[in-house]
Amino acid sequence: MEEININEIVKIEQMPKVFSQLEKIGELIDKKTSDLDKLECTDENKQIVKNRRTEINKTLEVLEERRKEIKNKLLEPYETFEEKYNNECKIKLQKASDLLKNKIDDIETKQKQEKQEEIEMFARQHFEANSIDDIVSFDDIGLNVTLSASMKSLKEQVLAFVDKINNDLKLINLEEYKDEILVEYKNNLDFTKSKLDVMTRHKMLEELQKKNQEQEIAKQEEQKMVEKVEEIITPPKEIIEDDEIIEVQFKVKGKLSKIKELKQWLKENEIEYE
């Protein structure tokens, strides 16, 4: 292929002339403004200073208009050049580059797919050999299968993952609530979290059972107290008539709320007490 000399693409021949003109104008500006540093602004010459500034601004305005005209004239041939350059060079080269990129993408996609299938097969074989295929899947490993990743490193990651699962299962098998922990583990593959969740749940259940037992014992004690009171304040019918007034002494023990209920019951039944 013939070598392309980029330096020969375009030559600008008019710019030196423009630069020369600008340098001459710059020299004139230096002469006209050389005394401004020494020029003082007083009440008497303030108008002169204003006139000088007006003249400078007007010169700048004229030059700016000229600059815009020159810019447009310089850009006009460049725009023509750019259009020609795009059509003859840039578009053709980009099209050629894209064509080769598509060919490269096709073969690399195929290579990556083959590597993906190979490592998935390797992983499934080891899952089945270790009887963990009902617990884990290939996606659980989190492999990043790229063209640059070596098959050796990918297989090492698979084996490390299998070892980790086997170690976790051995630890689970030693636990008191191994069946429950295993159920949690299948969802998150995190032994520590699975164990903590199960232990926390059992602790909550134990506290609830303990609370229920305490409440049941309290009810039984309360019932015993009521029965004892009734036994004390109810004399045998064969000895004492119903209308006969008797006096009995006893102590009661219980919660304040229950003592208040007993006191209210005594009042409602017109039983005197001290």
C-alpha atoms as a PDB file:
ATOM      1  CA  MET A   1       0.000   0.000   0.000  1.00  0.00           C
ATOM      2  CA  GLU A   2       1.355   3.405  -0.988  1.00  0.00           C
ATOM      3  CA  GLU A   3       2.233   5.516   2.040  1.00  0.00           C
ATOM      4  CA  ILE A   4       0.028   8.579   2.616  1.00  0.00           C
ATOM      5  CA  ASN A   5       1.906  11.800   3.408  1.00  0.00           C
ATOM      6  CA  ILE A   6      -0.407  13.670   5.778  1.00  0.00           C
ATOM      7  CA  ASN A   7       1.625  16.873   5.418  1.00  0.00           C
ATOM      8  CA  GLU A   8       0.719  17.080   1.741  1.00  0.00           C
ATOM      9  CA  ILE A   9      -3.048  16.952   2.297  1.00  0.00           C
ATOM     10  CA  VAL A  10      -3.466  20.738   2.236  1.00  0.00           C
ATOM     11  CA  LYS A  11      -1.215  23.785   2.054  1.00  0.00           C
ATOM     12  CA  ILE A  12      -2.226  27.229   3.317  1.00  0.00           C
ATOM     13  CA  GLU A  13      -0.559  29.879   1.219  1.00  0.00           C
ATOM     14  CA  GLN A  14      -2.533  32.992   2.185  1.00  0.00           C
ATOM     15  CA  MET A  15      -1.894  32.965   5.933  1.00  0.00           C
ATOM     16  CA  PRO A  16       1.631  34.490   5.764  1.00  0.00           C
ATOM     17  CA  LYS A  17       0.194  37.537   3.987  1.00  0.00           C
ATOM     18  CA  VAL A  18      -2.514  37.902   6.623  1.00  0.00           C
ATOM     19  CA  PHE A  19       0.056  37.639   9.404  1.00  0.00           C
ATOM     20  CA  SER A  20       2.200  40.305   7.764  1.00  0.00           C
ATOM     21  CA  GLN A  21      -0.739  42.718   7.612  1.00  0.00           C
ATOM     22  CA  LEU A  22      -1.585  42.074  11.249  1.00  0.00           C
ATOM     23  CA  GLU A  23       1.988  42.764  12.301  1.00  0.00           C
ATOM     24  CA  LYS A  24       1.929  46.164  10.526  1.00  0.00           C
ATOM     25  CA  ILE A  25      -1.365  47.068  12.184  1.00  0.00           C
ATOM     26  CA  GLY A  26       0.079  45.984  15.519  1.00  0.00           C
ATOM     27  CA  GLU A  27       3.037  48.353  15.073  1.00  0.00           C
ATOM     28  CA  LEU A  28       0.652  51.257  14.368  1.00  0.00           C
ATOM     29  CA  ILE A  29      -1.386  50.434  17.468  1.00  0.00           C
ATOM     30  CA  ASP A  30       1.801  50.387  19.593  1.00  0.00           C
ATOM     31  CA  LYS A  31       2.720  53.900  18.349  1.00  0.00           C
ATOM     32  CA  LYS A  32      -0.783  55.307  18.938  1.00  0.00           C
ATOM     33  CA  THR A  33      -1.001  53.893  22.473  1.00  0.00           C
ATOM     34  CA  SER A  34       2.599  54.278  23.633  1.00  0.00           C
ATOM     35  CA  ASP A  35       1.830  57.465  25.580  1.00  0.00           C
ATOM     36  CA  LEU A  36      -1.220  56.125  27.473  1.00  0.00           C
ATOM     37  CA  ASP A  37       0.803  55.025  30.506  1.00  0.00           C
ATOM     38  CA  LYS A  38       1.991  58.589  31.033  1.00  0.00           C
ATOM     39  CA  LEU A  39      -1.344  60.213  30.217  1.00  0.00           C
ATOM     40  CA  GLU A  40      -3.030  61.573  33.322  1.00  0.00           C
ATOM     41  CA  CYS A  41      -6.755  62.123  33.575  1.00  0.00           C
ATOM     42  CA  THR A  42      -7.618  65.479  35.188  1.00  0.00           C
ATOM     43  CA  ASP A  43     -10.613  67.742  35.273  1.00  0.00           C
ATOM     44  CA  GLU A  44      -9.122  69.786  32.461  1.00  0.00           C
ATOM     45  CA  ASN A  45      -8.239  66.963  30.035  1.00  0.00           C
ATOM     46  CA  LYS A  46     -10.938  64.428  30.935  1.00  0.00           C
ATOM     47  CA  GLN A  47     -12.716  64.999  27.617  1.00  0.00           C
ATOM     48  CA  ILE A  48      -9.463  64.449  25.714  1.00  0.00           C
ATOM     49  CA  VAL A  49      -9.008  61.113  27.477  1.00  0.00           C
ATOM     50  CA  LYS A  50     -12.596  60.164  26.619  1.00  0.00           C
ATOM     51  CA  ASN A  51     -12.022  61.061  22.979  1.00  0.00           C
ATOM     52  CA  ARG A  52      -8.886  58.920  22.885  1.00  0.00           C
ATOM     53  CA  ARG A  53     -10.808  55.980  24.327  1.00  0.00           C
ATOM     54  CA  THR A  54     -13.640  56.474  21.822  1.00  0.00           C
ATOM     55  CA  GLU A  55     -11.108  56.463  18.993  1.00  0.00           C
ATOM     56  CA  ILE A  56      -9.500  53.246  20.313  1.00  0.00           C
ATOM     57  CA  ASN A  57     -12.863  51.502  20.685  1.00  0.00           C
ATOM     58  CA  LYS A  58     -13.888  52.557  17.181  1.00  0.00           C
ATOM     59  CA  THR A  59     -10.631  51.170  15.749  1.00  0.00           C
ATOM     60  CA  LEU A  60     -11.208  47.911  17.627  1.00  0.00           C
ATOM     61  CA  GLU A  61     -14.757  47.701  16.288  1.00  0.00           C
ATOM     62  CA  VAL A  62     -13.583  48.175  12.695  1.00  0.00           C
ATOM     63  CA  LEU A  63     -10.862  45.562  13.104  1.00  0.00           C
ATOM     64  CA  GLU A  64     -13.320  43.086  14.660  1.00  0.00           C
ATOM     65  CA  GLU A  65     -15.632  43.425  11.684  1.00  0.00           C
ATOM     66  CA  ARG A  66     -12.696  42.891   9.363  1.00  0.00           C
ATOM     67  CA  ARG A  67     -11.587  39.876  11.402  1.00  0.00           C
ATOM     68  CA  LYS A  68     -14.992  38.276  10.964  1.00  0.00           C
ATOM     69  CA  GLU A  69     -14.842  38.864   7.210  1.00  0.00           C
ATOM     70  CA  ILE A  70     -11.384  37.315   6.997  1.00  0.00           C
ATOM     71  CA  LYS A  71     -12.502  34.393   9.144  1.00  0.00           C
ATOM     72  CA  ASN A  72     -15.415  33.659   6.824  1.00  0.00           C
ATOM     73  CA  LYS A  73     -13.146  33.834   3.803  1.00  0.00           C
ATOM     74  CA  LEU A  74     -10.633  31.509   5.446  1.00  0.00           C
ATOM     75  CA  LEU A  75     -13.345  29.071   6.593  1.00  0.00           C
ATOM     76  CA  GLU A  76     -15.005  28.899   3.202  1.00  0.00           C
ATOM     77  CA  PRO A  77     -12.184  26.977   1.509  1.00  0.00           C
ATOM     78  CA  TYR A  78     -11.694  24.895   4.661  1.00  0.00           C
ATOM     79  CA  GLU A  79     -15.327  23.812   4.650  1.00  0.00           C
ATOM     80  CA  THR A  80     -14.931  22.790   1.027  1.00  0.00           C
ATOM     81  CA  PHE A  81     -11.765  20.925   1.946  1.00  0.00           C
ATOM     82  CA  GLU A  82     -13.446  19.228   4.942  1.00  0.00           C
ATOM     83  CA  GLU A  83     -16.326  17.982   2.819  1.00  0.00           C
ATOM     84  CA  LYS A  84     -13.894  16.585   0.267  1.00  0.00           C
ATOM     85  CA  TYR A  85     -11.736  15.075   2.987  1.00  0.00           C
ATOM     86  CA  ASN A  86     -14.732  13.364   4.637  1.00  0.00           C
ATOM     87  CA  ASN A  87     -15.983  11.887   1.367  1.00  0.00           C
ATOM     88  CA  GLU A  88     -12.606  10.772   0.011  1.00  0.00           C
ATOM     89  CA  CYS A  89     -10.790   9.768   3.197  1.00  0.00           C
ATOM     90  CA  LYS A  90     -12.579   9.732   6.552  1.00  0.00           C
ATOM     91  CA  ILE A  91     -15.804   7.944   5.543  1.00  0.00           C
ATOM     92  CA  LYS A  92     -13.935   5.305   3.526  1.00  0.00           C
ATOM     93  CA  LEU A  93     -11.477   4.592   6.327  1.00  0.00           C
ATOM     94  CA  GLN A  94     -14.219   4.448   8.970  1.00  0.00           C
ATOM     95  CA  LYS A  95     -16.233   2.061   6.781  1.00  0.00           C
ATOM     96  CA  ALA A  96     -13.195  -0.176   6.347  1.00  0.00           C
ATOM     97  CA  SER A  97     -12.471  -0.084  10.088  1.00  0.00           C
ATOM     98  CA  ASP A  98     -16.099  -0.952  10.957  1.00  0.00           C
ATOM     99  CA  LEU A  99     -16.045  -3.843   8.494  1.00  0.00           C
ATOM    100  CA  LEU A 100     -12.981  -5.352  10.170  1.00  0.00           C
ATOM    101  CA  LYS A 101     -14.429  -4.648  13.641  1.00  0.00           C
ATOM    102  CA  ASN A 102     -17.566  -6.660  12.795  1.00  0.00           C
ATOM    103  CA  LYS A 103     -15.424  -9.557  11.612  1.00  0.00           C
ATOM    104  CA  ILE A 104     -13.367  -9.408  14.824  1.00  0.00           C
ATOM    105  CA  ASP A 105     -16.520  -9.175  16.974  1.00  0.00           C
ATOM    106  CA  ASP A 106     -18.006 -12.230  15.273  1.00  0.00           C
ATOM    107  CA  ILE A 107     -15.006 -14.439  15.929  1.00  0.00           C
ATOM    108  CA  GLU A 108     -14.496 -13.131  19.479  1.00  0.00           C
ATOM    109  CA  THR A 109     -18.164 -13.697  20.311  1.00  0.00           C
ATOM    110  CA  LYS A 110     -17.818 -17.286  19.117  1.00  0.00           C
ATOM    111  CA  GLN A 111     -14.601 -17.756  21.113  1.00  0.00           C
ATOM    112  CA  LYS A 112     -16.184 -16.322  24.245  1.00  0.00           C
ATOM    113  CA  GLN A 113     -19.259 -18.546  23.837  1.00  0.00           C
ATOM    114  CA  GLU A 114     -17.071 -21.623  23.493  1.00  0.00           C
ATOM    115  CA  LYS A 115     -15.129 -20.668  26.613  1.00  0.00           C
ATOM    116  CA  GLN A 116     -18.404 -20.027  28.490  1.00  0.00           C
ATOM    117  CA  GLU A 117     -19.786 -23.444  27.531  1.00  0.00           C
ATOM    118  CA  GLU A 118     -16.553 -25.201  28.478  1.00  0.00           C
ATOM    119  CA  ILE A 119     -16.335 -23.658  31.930  1.00  0.00           C
ATOM    120  CA  GLU A 120     -20.045 -24.254  32.585  1.00  0.00           C
ATOM    121  CA  MET A 121     -19.607 -27.932  31.724  1.00  0.00           C
ATOM    122  CA  PHE A 122     -16.575 -28.109  34.027  1.00  0.00           C
ATOM    123  CA  ALA A 123     -18.582 -26.531  36.863  1.00  0.00           C
ATOM    124  CA  ARG A 124     -21.601 -28.829  36.414  1.00  0.00           C
ATOM    125  CA  GLN A 125     -19.359 -31.920  36.502  1.00  0.00           C
ATOM    126  CA  HIS A 126     -17.870 -30.853  39.816  1.00  0.00           C
ATOM    127  CA  PHE A 127     -21.281 -29.885  41.233  1.00  0.00           C
ATOM    128  CA  GLU A 128     -22.591 -33.369  40.455  1.00  0.00           C
ATOM    129  CA  ALA A 129     -19.435 -35.116  41.693  1.00  0.00           C
ATOM    130  CA  ASN A 130     -19.758 -33.339  45.048  1.00  0.00           C
ATOM    131  CA  SER A 131     -23.576 -33.745  45.236  1.00  0.00           C
ATOM    132  CA  ILE A 132     -24.184 -30.008  45.467  1.00  0.00           C
ATOM    133  CA  ASP A 133     -25.965 -29.544  42.121  1.00  0.00           C
ATOM    134  CA  ASP A 134     -29.300 -29.188  43.970  1.00  0.00           C
ATOM    135  CA  ILE A 135     -27.865 -26.372  46.091  1.00  0.00           C
ATOM    136  CA  VAL A 136     -25.846 -24.188  43.719  1.00  0.00           C
ATOM    137  CA  SER A 137     -25.887 -23.057  40.090  1.00  0.00           C
ATOM    138  CA  PHE A 138     -23.190 -21.796  37.742  1.00  0.00           C
ATOM    139  CA  ASP A 139     -24.326 -18.179  38.182  1.00  0.00           C
ATOM    140  CA  ASP A 140     -23.689 -18.437  41.940  1.00  0.00           C
ATOM    141  CA  ILE A 141     -19.935 -18.556  41.255  1.00  0.00           C
ATOM    142  CA  GLY A 142     -19.952 -15.040  39.769  1.00  0.00           C
ATOM    143  CA  LEU A 143     -17.331 -15.750  37.111  1.00  0.00           C
ATOM    144  CA  ASN A 144     -16.393 -13.007  34.661  1.00  0.00           C
ATOM    145  CA  VAL A 145     -15.738 -15.018  31.508  1.00  0.00           C
ATOM    146  CA  THR A 146     -13.723 -12.814  29.142  1.00  0.00           C
ATOM    147  CA  LEU A 147     -11.368 -13.544  26.280  1.00  0.00           C
ATOM    148  CA  SER A 148      -8.410 -12.398  28.352  1.00  0.00           C
ATOM    149  CA  ALA A 149      -9.280 -14.693  31.281  1.00  0.00           C
ATOM    150  CA  SER A 150      -7.329 -17.930  31.096  1.00  0.00           C
ATOM    151  CA  MET A 151      -9.192 -21.215  31.361  1.00  0.00           C
ATOM    152  CA  LYS A 152      -6.800 -22.241  34.131  1.00  0.00           C
ATOM    153  CA  SER A 153      -7.763 -19.282  36.322  1.00  0.00           C
ATOM    154  CA  LEU A 154     -11.482 -19.816  35.631  1.00  0.00           C
ATOM    155  CA  LYS A 155     -11.283 -23.492  36.630  1.00  0.00           C
ATOM    156  CA  GLU A 156      -9.380 -22.558  39.794  1.00  0.00           C
ATOM    157  CA  GLN A 157     -12.217 -20.216  40.740  1.00  0.00           C
ATOM    158  CA  VAL A 158     -14.768 -22.995  40.180  1.00  0.00           C
ATOM    159  CA  LEU A 159     -12.799 -25.429  42.363  1.00  0.00           C
ATOM    160  CA  ALA A 160     -12.389 -22.823  45.111  1.00  0.00           C
ATOM    161  CA  PHE A 161     -16.147 -22.224  45.059  1.00  0.00           C
ATOM    162  CA  VAL A 162     -16.883 -25.971  45.319  1.00  0.00           C
ATOM    163  CA  ASP A 163     -14.460 -26.293  48.259  1.00  0.00           C
ATOM    164  CA  LYS A 164     -16.147 -23.389  50.008  1.00  0.00           C
ATOM    165  CA  ILE A 165     -19.599 -24.962  49.625  1.00  0.00           C
ATOM    166  CA  ASN A 166     -18.354 -28.349  50.879  1.00  0.00           C
ATOM    167  CA  ASN A 167     -16.734 -26.754  53.938  1.00  0.00           C
ATOM    168  CA  ASP A 168     -19.931 -24.859  54.734  1.00  0.00           C
ATOM    169  CA  LEU A 169     -22.012 -28.033  54.452  1.00  0.00           C
ATOM    170  CA  LYS A 170     -19.660 -29.855  56.860  1.00  0.00           C
ATOM    171  CA  LEU A 171     -20.097 -27.047  59.395  1.00  0.00           C
ATOM    172  CA  ILE A 172     -23.871 -27.069  58.944  1.00  0.00           C
ATOM    173  CA  ASN A 173     -23.974 -30.827  59.592  1.00  0.00           C
ATOM    174  CA  LEU A 174     -22.438 -30.210  63.038  1.00  0.00           C
ATOM    175  CA  GLU A 175     -25.135 -27.740  64.080  1.00  0.00           C
ATOM    176  CA  GLU A 176     -28.117 -28.553  66.318  1.00  0.00           C
ATOM    177  CA  TYR A 177     -30.615 -27.093  63.852  1.00  0.00           C
ATOM    178  CA  LYS A 178     -28.823 -28.310  60.735  1.00  0.00           C
ATOM    179  CA  ASP A 179     -31.972 -28.918  58.658  1.00  0.00           C
ATOM    180  CA  GLU A 180     -33.263 -25.393  59.229  1.00  0.00           C
ATOM    181  CA  ILE A 181     -29.847 -23.849  58.607  1.00  0.00           C
ATOM    182  CA  LEU A 182     -29.534 -25.797  55.356  1.00  0.00           C
ATOM    183  CA  VAL A 183     -32.856 -24.391  54.144  1.00  0.00           C
ATOM    184  CA  GLU A 184     -31.602 -20.848  54.788  1.00  0.00           C
ATOM    185  CA  TYR A 185     -28.203 -21.640  53.277  1.00  0.00           C
ATOM    186  CA  LYS A 186     -29.729 -22.730  49.967  1.00  0.00           C
ATOM    187  CA  ASN A 187     -31.155 -19.222  49.628  1.00  0.00           C
ATOM    188  CA  ASN A 188     -28.032 -17.195  50.406  1.00  0.00           C
ATOM    189  CA  LEU A 189     -24.985 -19.558  50.402  1.00  0.00           C
ATOM    190  CA  ASP A 190     -23.807 -17.761  53.547  1.00  0.00           C
ATOM    191  CA  PHE A 191     -23.200 -20.131  56.479  1.00  0.00           C
ATOM    192  CA  THR A 192     -22.739 -17.424  59.124  1.00  0.00           C
ATOM    193  CA  LYS A 193     -25.895 -15.546  58.179  1.00  0.00           C
ATOM    194  CA  SER A 194     -27.939 -18.739  57.862  1.00  0.00           C
ATOM    195  CA  LYS A 195     -26.898 -19.929  61.313  1.00  0.00           C
ATOM    196  CA  LEU A 196     -27.521 -16.528  62.875  1.00  0.00           C
ATOM    197  CA  ASP A 197     -31.011 -16.296  61.358  1.00  0.00           C
ATOM    198  CA  VAL A 198     -31.997 -19.747  62.657  1.00  0.00           C
ATOM    199  CA  MET A 199     -30.526 -19.150  66.139  1.00  0.00           C
ATOM    200  CA  THR A 200     -32.285 -15.802  66.376  1.00  0.00           C
ATOM    201  CA  ARG A 201     -35.593 -17.383  65.391  1.00  0.00           C
ATOM    202  CA  HIS A 202     -35.225 -20.145  68.016  1.00  0.00           C
ATOM    203  CA  LYS A 203     -34.309 -17.629  70.683  1.00  0.00           C
ATOM    204  CA  MET A 204     -37.450 -15.648  69.923  1.00  0.00           C
ATOM    205  CA  LEU A 205     -39.545 -18.832  70.121  1.00  0.00           C
ATOM    206  CA  GLU A 206     -37.979 -19.799  73.448  1.00  0.00           C
ATOM    207  CA  GLU A 207     -38.671 -16.360  74.900  1.00  0.00           C
ATOM    208  CA  LEU A 208     -42.275 -16.563  73.691  1.00  0.00           C
ATOM    209  CA  GLN A 209     -42.736 -20.036  75.222  1.00  0.00           C
ATOM    210  CA  LYS A 210     -41.182 -18.853  78.479  1.00  0.00           C
ATOM    211  CA  LYS A 211     -43.536 -15.888  78.585  1.00  0.00           C
ATOM    212  CA  ASN A 212     -46.541 -18.115  77.923  1.00  0.00           C
ATOM    213  CA  GLN A 213     -45.455 -20.505  80.681  1.00  0.00           C
ATOM    214  CA  GLU A 214     -45.047 -17.644  83.146  1.00  0.00           C
ATOM    215  CA  GLN A 215     -48.505 -16.368  82.278  1.00  0.00           C
ATOM    216  CA  GLU A 216     -49.973 -19.858  82.723  1.00  0.00           C
ATOM    217  CA  ILE A 217     -48.280 -20.267  86.117  1.00  0.00           C
ATOM    218  CA  ALA A 218     -49.581 -16.860  87.184  1.00  0.00           C
ATOM    219  CA  LYS A 219     -53.118 -17.868  86.199  1.00  0.00           C
ATOM    220  CA  GLN A 220     -52.818 -21.118  88.139  1.00  0.00           C
ATOM    221  CA  GLU A 221     -51.546 -19.302  91.240  1.00  0.00           C
ATOM    222  CA  GLU A 222     -54.356 -16.796  90.948  1.00  0.00           C
ATOM    223  CA  GLN A 223     -56.921 -19.579  90.692  1.00  0.00           C
ATOM    224  CA  LYS A 224     -55.437 -21.301  93.748  1.00  0.00           C
ATOM    225  CA  MET A 225     -55.691 -18.037  95.704  1.00  0.00           C
ATOM    226  CA  VAL A 226     -59.332 -17.556  94.737  1.00  0.00           C
ATOM    227  CA  GLU A 227     -60.146 -21.127  95.703  1.00  0.00           C
ATOM    228  CA  LYS A 228     -58.360 -20.662  99.033  1.00  0.00           C
ATOM    229  CA  VAL A 229     -60.285 -17.480  99.780  1.00  0.00           C
ATOM    230  CA  GLU A 230     -63.575 -19.131  98.913  1.00  0.00           C
ATOM    231  CA  GLU A 231     -62.661 -22.070 101.113  1.00  0.00           C
ATOM    232  CA  ILE A 232     -61.899 -19.809 104.062  1.00  0.00           C
ATOM    233  CA  ILE A 233     -64.886 -17.506 103.804  1.00  0.00           C
ATOM    234  CA  THR A 234     -67.414 -20.256 103.050  1.00  0.00           C
ATOM    235  CA  PRO A 235     -68.293 -22.131 106.271  1.00  0.00           C
ATOM    236  CA  PRO A 236     -69.736 -25.641 106.264  1.00  0.00           C
ATOM    237  CA  LYS A 237     -73.499 -25.502 105.634  1.00  0.00           C
ATOM    238  CA  GLU A 238     -74.258 -28.165 108.204  1.00  0.00           C
ATOM    239  CA  ILE A 239     -72.755 -26.066 111.014  1.00  0.00           C
ATOM    240  CA  ILE A 240     -73.611 -22.447 110.230  1.00  0.00           C
ATOM    241  CA  GLU A 241     -76.787 -21.082 108.799  1.00  0.00           C
ATOM    242  CA  ASP A 242     -76.586 -18.857 105.711  1.00  0.00           C
ATOM    243  CA  ASP A 243     -77.893 -15.785 107.542  1.00  0.00           C
ATOM    244  CA  GLU A 244     -75.620 -16.178 110.552  1.00  0.00           C
ATOM    245  CA  ILE A 245     -72.819 -13.623 110.800  1.00  0.00           C
ATOM    246  CA  ILE A 246     -69.383 -15.158 111.389  1.00  0.00           C
ATOM    247  CA  GLU A 247     -65.864 -13.807 111.649  1.00  0.00           C
ATOM    248  CA  VAL A 248     -62.834 -15.349 109.959  1.00  0.00           C
ATOM    249  CA  GLN A 249     -59.190 -14.286 109.642  1.00  0.00           C
ATOM    250  CA  PHE A 250     -56.891 -14.945 106.665  1.00  0.00           C
ATOM    251  CA  LYS A 251     -54.013 -13.453 104.693  1.00  0.00           C
ATOM    252  CA  VAL A 252     -53.982 -12.978 100.967  1.00  0.00           C
ATOM    253  CA  LYS A 253     -51.020 -12.766  98.604  1.00  0.00           C
ATOM    254  CA  GLY A 254     -51.064 -11.733  94.976  1.00  0.00           C
ATOM    255  CA  LYS A 255     -50.710  -8.903  92.483  1.00  0.00           C
ATOM    256  CA  LEU A 256     -51.952  -5.468  93.492  1.00  0.00           C
ATOM    257  CA  SER A 257     -54.543  -5.494  90.720  1.00  0.00           C
ATOM    258  CA  LYS A 258     -55.943  -8.802  91.984  1.00  0.00           C
ATOM    259  CA  ILE A 259     -56.009  -7.583  95.601  1.00  0.00           C
ATOM    260  CA  LYS A 260     -58.042  -4.580  94.436  1.00  0.00           C
ATOM    261  CA  GLU A 261     -60.450  -6.887  92.631  1.00  0.00           C
ATOM    262  CA  LEU A 262     -60.839  -8.952  95.822  1.00  0.00           C
ATOM    263  CA  LYS A 263     -61.497  -5.814  97.842  1.00  0.00           C
ATOM    264  CA  GLN A 264     -64.142  -4.717  95.349  1.00  0.00           C
ATOM    265  CA  TRP A 265     -65.734  -8.174  95.460  1.00  0.00           C
ATOM    266  CA  LEU A 266     -65.932  -7.984  99.264  1.00  0.00           C
ATOM    267  CA  LYS A 267     -67.658  -4.613  99.056  1.00  0.00           C
ATOM    268  CA  GLU A 268     -70.131  -5.756  96.440  1.00  0.00           C
ATOM    269  CA  ASN A 269     -71.047  -8.769  98.580  1.00  0.00           C
ATOM    270  CA  GLU A 270     -71.427  -6.621 101.744  1.00  0.00           C
ATOM    271  CA  ILE A 271     -68.618  -8.387 103.591  1.00  0.00           C
ATOM    272  CA  GLU A 272     -66.897  -6.309 106.214  1.00  0.00           C
ATOM    273  CA  TYR A 273     -63.140  -6.463 106.456  1.00  0.00           C
ATOM    274  CA  GLU A 274     -60.308  -4.703 108.292  1.00  0.00           C
END
